[in-house]
Amino acid sequence: MTVLRILLADDQIPPHDDSEEVFHAALKKQFGDPATVLACIEQCRFMGEVVQALRDAGYRLTTARTYADAVEQIASNDFDLAIIDLGWYLDTKVPRHERPSAGWSLCERLDEKAARSNGRIPQILFSSRFPVEPGLSREAARKQKLPMFKQATPIVLNSLMAAVGFVEATIGAQRSQEAGNPKRFERELQDIALGFYKESIADYRRWTKLSLGFVAGGLVLVLAGAGIAFYGAIGVATLSSISSLICTTIAALLYRRLDSMHTSVETARREVLMEIQNLPQK
């Protein structure tokens, strides 16, 4: 079974390169109010537990604790699931007026990336504001995001892990169903072959029609020449020479085009084989 690739983007993920003292001092400098600072410290500790729980569960976890890092991770990596924090109050590089809802733009980036590959990336929208702003939950549901209340409690952690487990089971079932479809691999081969041979087939049809035109034209000329010879307007030797010249010219043109088509088909054959080798193993 494929291991779930998860993006966790949250500005309250504790920094791994600073000590707690340095981090707490930065929070005191940013907010000042002791109650606000204590609440931030509690939430950051909780997010550290979330990170550890996801890693202990064996998921391939990528974390982003700044908005810029989250944007970069979305652009450069593929994910099966994203857990996105709605508000980015700790990231001072995010414009102040954008901090309360910066998570929405990350969700939009994920949707745009998925749309380019005709897919979908399940997303959990994480926020402590859902109870006091009910409209946020409805908006998340409308945009097909799972709204999840963010609070530093074991219940919330267990609920989050259960939601991740549900997504994992759903994706696993979908992939098993696709892998078990006996016609899926055949359709992929047909799509690849048709894609590469489309131009060669079209070229073949064009030259088939042109060849028939050449043959018909040559036949008309031969019959016309025979009629002229019959009435003595031209000699048999001259007619034979003209007919041979016409046939030789048609044969030369067809041979050159046949050789070109052979090269084209051979190139397409090699490309098809390369694409088949790159198909996912069933």
C-alpha atoms as a PDB file:
ATOM      1  CA  MET A   1       0.000   0.000   0.000  1.00  0.00           C
ATOM      2  CA  THR A   2       1.284   3.454  -0.920  1.00  0.00           C
ATOM      3  CA  VAL A   3       2.291   5.613   2.036  1.00  0.00           C
ATOM      4  CA  LEU A   4       0.209   8.776   2.246  1.00  0.00           C
ATOM      5  CA  ARG A   5       2.087  11.973   1.356  1.00  0.00           C
ATOM      6  CA  ILE A   6       0.868  14.754   3.642  1.00  0.00           C
ATOM      7  CA  LEU A   7       1.513  18.487   3.677  1.00  0.00           C
ATOM      8  CA  LEU A   8       1.057  20.135   7.086  1.00  0.00           C
ATOM      9  CA  ALA A   9       1.126  23.912   6.660  1.00  0.00           C
ATOM     10  CA  ASP A  10       0.739  25.784   9.932  1.00  0.00           C
ATOM     11  CA  ASP A  11       2.533  28.812  11.386  1.00  0.00           C
ATOM     12  CA  GLN A  12       2.284  27.302  14.885  1.00  0.00           C
ATOM     13  CA  ILE A  13       4.567  24.368  14.118  1.00  0.00           C
ATOM     14  CA  PRO A  14       7.499  24.819  16.536  1.00  0.00           C
ATOM     15  CA  PRO A  15      10.803  25.795  14.892  1.00  0.00           C
ATOM     16  CA  HIS A  16      13.400  23.058  14.873  1.00  0.00           C
ATOM     17  CA  ASP A  17      16.364  25.427  14.651  1.00  0.00           C
ATOM     18  CA  ASP A  18      15.570  27.653  17.678  1.00  0.00           C
ATOM     19  CA  SER A  19      15.533  26.819  21.379  1.00  0.00           C
ATOM     20  CA  GLU A  20      12.274  27.176  23.315  1.00  0.00           C
ATOM     21  CA  GLU A  21      13.692  30.214  25.131  1.00  0.00           C
ATOM     22  CA  VAL A  22      14.465  32.014  21.871  1.00  0.00           C
ATOM     23  CA  PHE A  23      11.086  31.084  20.406  1.00  0.00           C
ATOM     24  CA  HIS A  24       9.174  32.202  23.502  1.00  0.00           C
ATOM     25  CA  ALA A  25      11.095  35.475  23.604  1.00  0.00           C
ATOM     26  CA  ALA A  26      10.108  36.097  19.962  1.00  0.00           C
ATOM     27  CA  LEU A  27       6.455  35.486  20.837  1.00  0.00           C
ATOM     28  CA  LYS A  28       6.628  37.918  23.782  1.00  0.00           C
ATOM     29  CA  LYS A  29       8.172  40.553  21.532  1.00  0.00           C
ATOM     30  CA  GLN A  30       5.495  40.059  18.859  1.00  0.00           C
ATOM     31  CA  PHE A  31       2.377  39.933  21.060  1.00  0.00           C
ATOM     32  CA  GLY A  32       3.349  41.387  24.441  1.00  0.00           C
ATOM     33  CA  ASP A  33       0.174  40.251  26.197  1.00  0.00           C
ATOM     34  CA  PRO A  34       1.102  37.348  28.548  1.00  0.00           C
ATOM     35  CA  ALA A  35      -2.229  35.545  28.026  1.00  0.00           C
ATOM     36  CA  THR A  36      -1.835  35.654  24.253  1.00  0.00           C
ATOM     37  CA  VAL A  37       1.750  34.460  24.499  1.00  0.00           C
ATOM     38  CA  LEU A  38       0.764  31.516  26.742  1.00  0.00           C
ATOM     39  CA  ALA A  39      -2.024  30.559  24.344  1.00  0.00           C
ATOM     40  CA  CYS A  40       0.420  30.611  21.419  1.00  0.00           C
ATOM     41  CA  ILE A  41       2.937  28.496  23.333  1.00  0.00           C
ATOM     42  CA  GLU A  42       0.226  25.956  24.144  1.00  0.00           C
ATOM     43  CA  GLN A  43      -0.894  25.748  20.527  1.00  0.00           C
ATOM     44  CA  CYS A  44       2.691  25.399  19.286  1.00  0.00           C
ATOM     45  CA  ARG A  45       3.312  22.520  21.698  1.00  0.00           C
ATOM     46  CA  PHE A  46       0.137  20.904  20.428  1.00  0.00           C
ATOM     47  CA  MET A  47       1.243  21.278  16.799  1.00  0.00           C
ATOM     48  CA  GLY A  48       4.526  19.635  17.757  1.00  0.00           C
ATOM     49  CA  GLU A  49       2.462  16.672  19.014  1.00  0.00           C
ATOM     50  CA  VAL A  50       0.524  16.620  15.731  1.00  0.00           C
ATOM     51  CA  VAL A  51       3.762  16.473  13.755  1.00  0.00           C
ATOM     52  CA  GLN A  52       5.082  13.645  15.904  1.00  0.00           C
ATOM     53  CA  ALA A  53       1.819  11.679  15.733  1.00  0.00           C
ATOM     54  CA  LEU A  54       1.716  11.843  11.935  1.00  0.00           C
ATOM     55  CA  ARG A  55       5.333  10.755  11.674  1.00  0.00           C
ATOM     56  CA  ASP A  56       4.842   7.951  14.189  1.00  0.00           C
ATOM     57  CA  ALA A  57       1.920   6.724  12.068  1.00  0.00           C
ATOM     58  CA  GLY A  58       4.339   6.256   9.164  1.00  0.00           C
ATOM     59  CA  TYR A  59       3.067   9.006   6.870  1.00  0.00           C
ATOM     60  CA  ARG A  60       5.450  10.876   4.556  1.00  0.00           C
ATOM     61  CA  LEU A  61       5.043  14.234   6.226  1.00  0.00           C
ATOM     62  CA  THR A  62       6.203  17.578   4.851  1.00  0.00           C
ATOM     63  CA  THR A  63       5.863  20.572   7.161  1.00  0.00           C
ATOM     64  CA  ALA A  64       5.739  24.272   6.355  1.00  0.00           C
ATOM     65  CA  ARG A  65       5.682  26.804   9.197  1.00  0.00           C
ATOM     66  CA  THR A  66       5.877  29.896   6.982  1.00  0.00           C
ATOM     67  CA  TYR A  67       3.487  30.911   4.237  1.00  0.00           C
ATOM     68  CA  ALA A  68       6.322  31.251   1.718  1.00  0.00           C
ATOM     69  CA  ASP A  69       7.572  27.750   2.496  1.00  0.00           C
ATOM     70  CA  ALA A  70       4.043  26.376   2.077  1.00  0.00           C
ATOM     71  CA  VAL A  71       3.767  28.008  -1.357  1.00  0.00           C
ATOM     72  CA  GLU A  72       7.105  26.516  -2.392  1.00  0.00           C
ATOM     73  CA  GLN A  73       6.201  23.037  -1.145  1.00  0.00           C
ATOM     74  CA  ILE A  74       2.895  23.086  -3.029  1.00  0.00           C
ATOM     75  CA  ALA A  75       4.630  24.162  -6.235  1.00  0.00           C
ATOM     76  CA  SER A  76       7.466  21.637  -6.081  1.00  0.00           C
ATOM     77  CA  ASN A  77       5.927  18.506  -4.510  1.00  0.00           C
ATOM     78  CA  ASP A  78       2.931  16.230  -4.939  1.00  0.00           C
ATOM     79  CA  PHE A  79       0.682  15.416  -1.981  1.00  0.00           C
ATOM     80  CA  ASP A  80      -2.185  13.030  -1.304  1.00  0.00           C
ATOM     81  CA  LEU A  81      -3.563  15.154   1.547  1.00  0.00           C
ATOM     82  CA  ALA A  82      -3.025  18.667   2.881  1.00  0.00           C
ATOM     83  CA  ILE A  83      -3.742  19.970   6.390  1.00  0.00           C
ATOM     84  CA  ILE A  84      -3.922  23.754   6.109  1.00  0.00           C
ATOM     85  CA  ASP A  85      -4.070  26.289   8.938  1.00  0.00           C
ATOM     86  CA  LEU A  86      -6.581  29.040   8.182  1.00  0.00           C
ATOM     87  CA  GLY A  87      -4.997  31.945  10.085  1.00  0.00           C
ATOM     88  CA  TRP A  88      -1.297  32.858   9.809  1.00  0.00           C
ATOM     89  CA  TYR A  89      -0.872  35.343  12.649  1.00  0.00           C
ATOM     90  CA  LEU A  90       2.667  34.296  13.641  1.00  0.00           C
ATOM     91  CA  ASP A  91       4.117  34.768  10.153  1.00  0.00           C
ATOM     92  CA  THR A  92       5.119  38.436  10.166  1.00  0.00           C
ATOM     93  CA  LYS A  93       5.996  38.310   6.464  1.00  0.00           C
ATOM     94  CA  VAL A  94       2.353  37.831   5.586  1.00  0.00           C
ATOM     95  CA  PRO A  95       0.595  41.219   5.242  1.00  0.00           C
ATOM     96  CA  ARG A  96      -1.408  41.935   8.392  1.00  0.00           C
ATOM     97  CA  HIS A  97      -4.763  42.169   6.599  1.00  0.00           C
ATOM     98  CA  GLU A  98      -4.180  38.767   4.918  1.00  0.00           C
ATOM     99  CA  ARG A  99      -3.200  36.805   8.046  1.00  0.00           C
ATOM    100  CA  PRO A 100      -6.718  35.818   9.211  1.00  0.00           C
ATOM    101  CA  SER A 101      -7.532  34.042   5.922  1.00  0.00           C
ATOM    102  CA  ALA A 102      -4.163  33.262   4.305  1.00  0.00           C
ATOM    103  CA  GLY A 103      -4.973  29.545   4.456  1.00  0.00           C
ATOM    104  CA  TRP A 104      -7.647  29.984   1.785  1.00  0.00           C
ATOM    105  CA  SER A 105      -5.079  31.049  -0.791  1.00  0.00           C
ATOM    106  CA  LEU A 106      -2.997  27.944  -0.031  1.00  0.00           C
ATOM    107  CA  CYS A 107      -6.091  25.817  -0.613  1.00  0.00           C
ATOM    108  CA  GLU A 108      -6.650  27.592  -3.922  1.00  0.00           C
ATOM    109  CA  ARG A 109      -3.079  26.869  -4.990  1.00  0.00           C
ATOM    110  CA  LEU A 110      -3.614  23.191  -4.203  1.00  0.00           C
ATOM    111  CA  ASP A 111      -6.865  23.169  -6.192  1.00  0.00           C
ATOM    112  CA  GLU A 112      -5.220  24.841  -9.181  1.00  0.00           C
ATOM    113  CA  LYS A 113      -2.359  22.355  -9.163  1.00  0.00           C
ATOM    114  CA  ALA A 114      -4.747  19.405  -8.938  1.00  0.00           C
ATOM    115  CA  ALA A 115      -6.890  20.805 -11.757  1.00  0.00           C
ATOM    116  CA  ARG A 116      -3.890  20.858 -14.104  1.00  0.00           C
ATOM    117  CA  SER A 117      -3.639  17.081 -13.775  1.00  0.00           C
ATOM    118  CA  ASN A 118      -7.413  16.476 -13.676  1.00  0.00           C
ATOM    119  CA  GLY A 119      -7.148  15.315 -10.091  1.00  0.00           C
ATOM    120  CA  ARG A 120      -8.087  16.420  -6.599  1.00  0.00           C
ATOM    121  CA  ILE A 121      -6.112  16.884  -3.391  1.00  0.00           C
ATOM    122  CA  PRO A 122      -8.197  16.295  -0.233  1.00  0.00           C
ATOM    123  CA  GLN A 123      -7.748  19.126   2.256  1.00  0.00           C
ATOM    124  CA  ILE A 124      -8.410  19.562   5.958  1.00  0.00           C
ATOM    125  CA  LEU A 125      -8.873  23.186   6.988  1.00  0.00           C
ATOM    126  CA  PHE A 126      -7.567  23.572  10.553  1.00  0.00           C
ATOM    127  CA  SER A 127      -8.785  26.532  12.637  1.00  0.00           C
ATOM    128  CA  SER A 128      -9.678  27.492  16.210  1.00  0.00           C
ATOM    129  CA  ARG A 129     -12.240  30.007  14.910  1.00  0.00           C
ATOM    130  CA  PHE A 130     -14.898  27.597  13.690  1.00  0.00           C
ATOM    131  CA  PRO A 131     -16.985  27.714  16.924  1.00  0.00           C
ATOM    132  CA  VAL A 132     -17.089  31.535  17.004  1.00  0.00           C
ATOM    133  CA  GLU A 133     -17.433  32.004  13.218  1.00  0.00           C
ATOM    134  CA  PRO A 134     -19.926  29.371  11.987  1.00  0.00           C
ATOM    135  CA  GLY A 135     -19.828  30.822   8.484  1.00  0.00           C
ATOM    136  CA  LEU A 136     -16.253  29.545   8.107  1.00  0.00           C
ATOM    137  CA  SER A 137     -17.395  25.928   8.433  1.00  0.00           C
ATOM    138  CA  ARG A 138     -20.098  26.402   5.823  1.00  0.00           C
ATOM    139  CA  GLU A 139     -17.629  28.102   3.493  1.00  0.00           C
ATOM    140  CA  ALA A 140     -15.128  25.261   3.947  1.00  0.00           C
ATOM    141  CA  ALA A 141     -17.805  22.663   3.179  1.00  0.00           C
ATOM    142  CA  ARG A 142     -18.909  24.627   0.116  1.00  0.00           C
ATOM    143  CA  LYS A 143     -15.332  24.571  -1.154  1.00  0.00           C
ATOM    144  CA  GLN A 144     -15.089  20.841  -0.403  1.00  0.00           C
ATOM    145  CA  LYS A 145     -12.634  21.214   2.474  1.00  0.00           C
ATOM    146  CA  LEU A 146     -13.067  19.355   5.737  1.00  0.00           C
ATOM    147  CA  PRO A 147     -13.375  21.953   8.550  1.00  0.00           C
ATOM    148  CA  MET A 148     -11.691  20.767  11.736  1.00  0.00           C
ATOM    149  CA  PHE A 149     -11.658  22.586  15.039  1.00  0.00           C
ATOM    150  CA  LYS A 150      -8.129  23.295  16.240  1.00  0.00           C
ATOM    151  CA  GLN A 151      -7.600  23.075  19.984  1.00  0.00           C
ATOM    152  CA  ALA A 152      -4.731  21.756  22.093  1.00  0.00           C
ATOM    153  CA  THR A 153      -6.546  18.669  23.422  1.00  0.00           C
ATOM    154  CA  PRO A 154      -6.107  14.909  22.965  1.00  0.00           C
ATOM    155  CA  ILE A 155      -9.645  14.708  21.571  1.00  0.00           C
ATOM    156  CA  VAL A 156      -8.800  17.059  18.720  1.00  0.00           C
ATOM    157  CA  LEU A 157      -5.561  15.190  18.018  1.00  0.00           C
ATOM    158  CA  ASN A 158      -7.429  11.873  17.894  1.00  0.00           C
ATOM    159  CA  SER A 159     -10.106  13.387  15.641  1.00  0.00           C
ATOM    160  CA  LEU A 160      -7.459  14.708  13.263  1.00  0.00           C
ATOM    161  CA  MET A 161      -5.703  11.342  13.093  1.00  0.00           C
ATOM    162  CA  ALA A 162      -9.056   9.638  12.473  1.00  0.00           C
ATOM    163  CA  ALA A 163      -9.782  12.044   9.606  1.00  0.00           C
ATOM    164  CA  VAL A 164      -6.355  11.357   8.097  1.00  0.00           C
ATOM    165  CA  GLY A 165      -6.952   7.622   8.460  1.00  0.00           C
ATOM    166  CA  PHE A 166     -10.287   7.944   6.680  1.00  0.00           C
ATOM    167  CA  VAL A 167      -8.672   9.790   3.777  1.00  0.00           C
ATOM    168  CA  GLU A 168      -5.958   7.146   3.602  1.00  0.00           C
ATOM    169  CA  ALA A 169      -8.507   4.319   3.496  1.00  0.00           C
ATOM    170  CA  THR A 170     -10.562   6.099   0.826  1.00  0.00           C
ATOM    171  CA  ILE A 171      -7.549   6.751  -1.402  1.00  0.00           C
ATOM    172  CA  GLY A 172      -6.341   3.185  -0.911  1.00  0.00           C
ATOM    173  CA  ALA A 173      -9.724   1.791  -1.948  1.00  0.00           C
ATOM    174  CA  GLN A 174      -9.803   3.971  -5.050  1.00  0.00           C
ATOM    175  CA  ARG A 175      -6.326   2.918  -6.087  1.00  0.00           C
ATOM    176  CA  SER A 176      -7.118  -0.763  -5.504  1.00  0.00           C
ATOM    177  CA  GLN A 177     -10.243  -0.445  -7.626  1.00  0.00           C
ATOM    178  CA  GLU A 178      -8.271   1.186 -10.440  1.00  0.00           C
ATOM    179  CA  ALA A 179      -5.519  -1.421 -10.231  1.00  0.00           C
ATOM    180  CA  GLY A 180      -8.099  -4.208 -10.275  1.00  0.00           C
ATOM    181  CA  ASN A 181      -9.744  -2.965 -13.452  1.00  0.00           C
ATOM    182  CA  PRO A 182      -8.538  -5.400 -16.139  1.00  0.00           C
ATOM    183  CA  LYS A 183      -9.333  -2.971 -18.957  1.00  0.00           C
ATOM    184  CA  ARG A 184      -7.540   0.017 -17.472  1.00  0.00           C
ATOM    185  CA  PHE A 185      -4.067  -1.074 -18.562  1.00  0.00           C
ATOM    186  CA  GLU A 186      -5.388  -1.912 -22.029  1.00  0.00           C
ATOM    187  CA  ARG A 187      -6.951   1.547 -22.348  1.00  0.00           C
ATOM    188  CA  GLU A 188      -3.681   3.177 -21.328  1.00  0.00           C
ATOM    189  CA  LEU A 189      -1.823   1.263 -24.026  1.00  0.00           C
ATOM    190  CA  GLN A 190      -4.410   2.213 -26.613  1.00  0.00           C
ATOM    191  CA  ASP A 191      -4.258   5.885 -25.653  1.00  0.00           C
ATOM    192  CA  ILE A 192      -0.466   5.908 -25.868  1.00  0.00           C
ATOM    193  CA  ALA A 193      -0.393   4.088 -29.197  1.00  0.00           C
ATOM    194  CA  LEU A 194      -3.089   6.245 -30.759  1.00  0.00           C
ATOM    195  CA  GLY A 195      -1.352   9.379 -29.546  1.00  0.00           C
ATOM    196  CA  PHE A 196       1.940   8.499 -31.190  1.00  0.00           C
ATOM    197  CA  TYR A 197       0.568   6.840 -34.332  1.00  0.00           C
ATOM    198  CA  LYS A 198      -2.127   9.434 -35.005  1.00  0.00           C
ATOM    199  CA  GLU A 199       0.026  11.542 -37.313  1.00  0.00           C
ATOM    200  CA  SER A 200       1.494   8.501 -39.067  1.00  0.00           C
ATOM    201  CA  ILE A 201      -1.983   7.085 -39.708  1.00  0.00           C
ATOM    202  CA  ALA A 202      -3.206  10.428 -41.054  1.00  0.00           C
ATOM    203  CA  ASP A 203      -0.145  10.644 -43.299  1.00  0.00           C
ATOM    204  CA  TYR A 204      -0.778   7.114 -44.527  1.00  0.00           C
ATOM    205  CA  ARG A 205      -4.363   7.995 -45.438  1.00  0.00           C
ATOM    206  CA  ARG A 206      -3.271  11.125 -47.308  1.00  0.00           C
ATOM    207  CA  TRP A 207      -0.741   9.210 -49.383  1.00  0.00           C
ATOM    208  CA  THR A 208      -3.170   6.375 -50.044  1.00  0.00           C
ATOM    209  CA  LYS A 209      -5.545   8.852 -51.657  1.00  0.00           C
ATOM    210  CA  LEU A 210      -2.688  10.509 -53.528  1.00  0.00           C
ATOM    211  CA  SER A 211      -1.420   7.145 -54.783  1.00  0.00           C
ATOM    212  CA  LEU A 212      -4.837   6.256 -56.106  1.00  0.00           C
ATOM    213  CA  GLY A 213      -4.866   9.625 -57.862  1.00  0.00           C
ATOM    214  CA  PHE A 214      -1.463   8.928 -59.401  1.00  0.00           C
ATOM    215  CA  VAL A 215      -2.553   5.499 -60.631  1.00  0.00           C
ATOM    216  CA  ALA A 216      -5.821   6.846 -62.053  1.00  0.00           C
ATOM    217  CA  GLY A 217      -3.981   9.713 -63.757  1.00  0.00           C
ATOM    218  CA  GLY A 218      -1.396   7.368 -65.195  1.00  0.00           C
ATOM    219  CA  LEU A 219      -4.100   5.035 -66.478  1.00  0.00           C
ATOM    220  CA  VAL A 220      -5.886   7.929 -68.167  1.00  0.00           C
ATOM    221  CA  LEU A 221      -2.654   9.053 -69.823  1.00  0.00           C
ATOM    222  CA  VAL A 222      -1.867   5.525 -71.017  1.00  0.00           C
ATOM    223  CA  LEU A 223      -5.357   5.091 -72.483  1.00  0.00           C
ATOM    224  CA  ALA A 224      -5.149   8.503 -74.125  1.00  0.00           C
ATOM    225  CA  GLY A 225      -1.743   7.643 -75.558  1.00  0.00           C
ATOM    226  CA  ALA A 226      -3.060   4.322 -76.835  1.00  0.00           C
ATOM    227  CA  GLY A 227      -5.905   6.120 -78.600  1.00  0.00           C
ATOM    228  CA  ILE A 228      -3.518   8.596 -80.174  1.00  0.00           C
ATOM    229  CA  ALA A 229      -1.203   5.779 -81.287  1.00  0.00           C
ATOM    230  CA  PHE A 230      -4.154   3.869 -82.707  1.00  0.00           C
ATOM    231  CA  TYR A 231      -4.951   6.791 -84.982  1.00  0.00           C
ATOM    232  CA  GLY A 232      -1.296   7.051 -85.959  1.00  0.00           C
ATOM    233  CA  ALA A 233      -0.637  10.418 -84.355  1.00  0.00           C
ATOM    234  CA  ILE A 234       2.275   9.088 -82.324  1.00  0.00           C
ATOM    235  CA  GLY A 235       4.614   6.145 -82.570  1.00  0.00           C
ATOM    236  CA  VAL A 236       4.402   3.057 -80.346  1.00  0.00           C
ATOM    237  CA  ALA A 237       8.000   3.518 -79.163  1.00  0.00           C
ATOM    238  CA  THR A 238       7.326   7.085 -78.153  1.00  0.00           C
ATOM    239  CA  LEU A 239       4.153   6.027 -76.301  1.00  0.00           C
ATOM    240  CA  SER A 240       6.073   3.294 -74.509  1.00  0.00           C
ATOM    241  CA  SER A 241       8.735   5.794 -73.445  1.00  0.00           C
ATOM    242  CA  ILE A 242       6.170   8.268 -72.118  1.00  0.00           C
ATOM    243  CA  SER A 243       4.289   5.542 -70.225  1.00  0.00           C
ATOM    244  CA  SER A 244       7.523   4.225 -68.702  1.00  0.00           C
ATOM    245  CA  LEU A 245       8.505   7.737 -67.663  1.00  0.00           C
ATOM    246  CA  ILE A 246       5.147   8.308 -65.967  1.00  0.00           C
ATOM    247  CA  CYS A 247       5.225   4.963 -64.125  1.00  0.00           C
ATOM    248  CA  THR A 248       8.831   5.448 -63.063  1.00  0.00           C
ATOM    249  CA  THR A 249       8.075   8.918 -61.688  1.00  0.00           C
ATOM    250  CA  ILE A 250       5.062   7.647 -59.709  1.00  0.00           C
ATOM    251  CA  ALA A 251       7.056   4.697 -58.340  1.00  0.00           C
ATOM    252  CA  ALA A 252       9.941   6.976 -57.287  1.00  0.00           C
ATOM    253  CA  LEU A 253       7.610   9.358 -55.460  1.00  0.00           C
ATOM    254  CA  LEU A 254       5.816   6.521 -53.692  1.00  0.00           C
ATOM    255  CA  TYR A 255       9.085   4.823 -52.727  1.00  0.00           C
ATOM    256  CA  ARG A 256      10.497   8.009 -51.200  1.00  0.00           C
ATOM    257  CA  ARG A 257       7.331   8.604 -49.228  1.00  0.00           C
ATOM    258  CA  LEU A 258       7.144   4.970 -48.152  1.00  0.00           C
ATOM    259  CA  ASP A 259      10.685   5.206 -46.800  1.00  0.00           C
ATOM    260  CA  SER A 260       9.803   8.390 -44.913  1.00  0.00           C
ATOM    261  CA  MET A 261       6.675   6.775 -43.441  1.00  0.00           C
ATOM    262  CA  HIS A 262       8.687   3.732 -42.379  1.00  0.00           C
ATOM    263  CA  THR A 263      11.076   5.989 -40.450  1.00  0.00           C
ATOM    264  CA  SER A 264       8.150   7.824 -38.842  1.00  0.00           C
ATOM    265  CA  VAL A 265       6.442   4.612 -37.775  1.00  0.00           C
ATOM    266  CA  GLU A 266       9.677   3.189 -36.384  1.00  0.00           C
ATOM    267  CA  THR A 267      10.228   6.349 -34.338  1.00  0.00           C
ATOM    268  CA  ALA A 268       6.676   6.150 -33.009  1.00  0.00           C
ATOM    269  CA  ARG A 269       7.185   2.474 -32.145  1.00  0.00           C
ATOM    270  CA  ARG A 270      10.242   3.283 -30.028  1.00  0.00           C
ATOM    271  CA  GLU A 271       8.378   6.083 -28.246  1.00  0.00           C
ATOM    272  CA  VAL A 272       5.445   3.779 -27.507  1.00  0.00           C
ATOM    273  CA  LEU A 273       7.771   1.198 -25.987  1.00  0.00           C
ATOM    274  CA  MET A 274       9.361   3.868 -23.798  1.00  0.00           C
ATOM    275  CA  GLU A 275       5.945   5.072 -22.600  1.00  0.00           C
ATOM    276  CA  ILE A 276       4.808   1.514 -21.837  1.00  0.00           C
ATOM    277  CA  GLN A 277       7.903   0.982 -19.711  1.00  0.00           C
ATOM    278  CA  ASN A 278       7.007   4.140 -17.752  1.00  0.00           C
ATOM    279  CA  LEU A 279       3.440   3.026 -17.014  1.00  0.00           C
ATOM    280  CA  PRO A 280       2.735   2.356 -13.308  1.00  0.00           C
ATOM    281  CA  GLN A 281       3.147  -1.258 -12.363  1.00  0.00           C
ATOM    282  CA  LYS A 282      -0.070  -3.110 -11.529  1.00  0.00           C
END
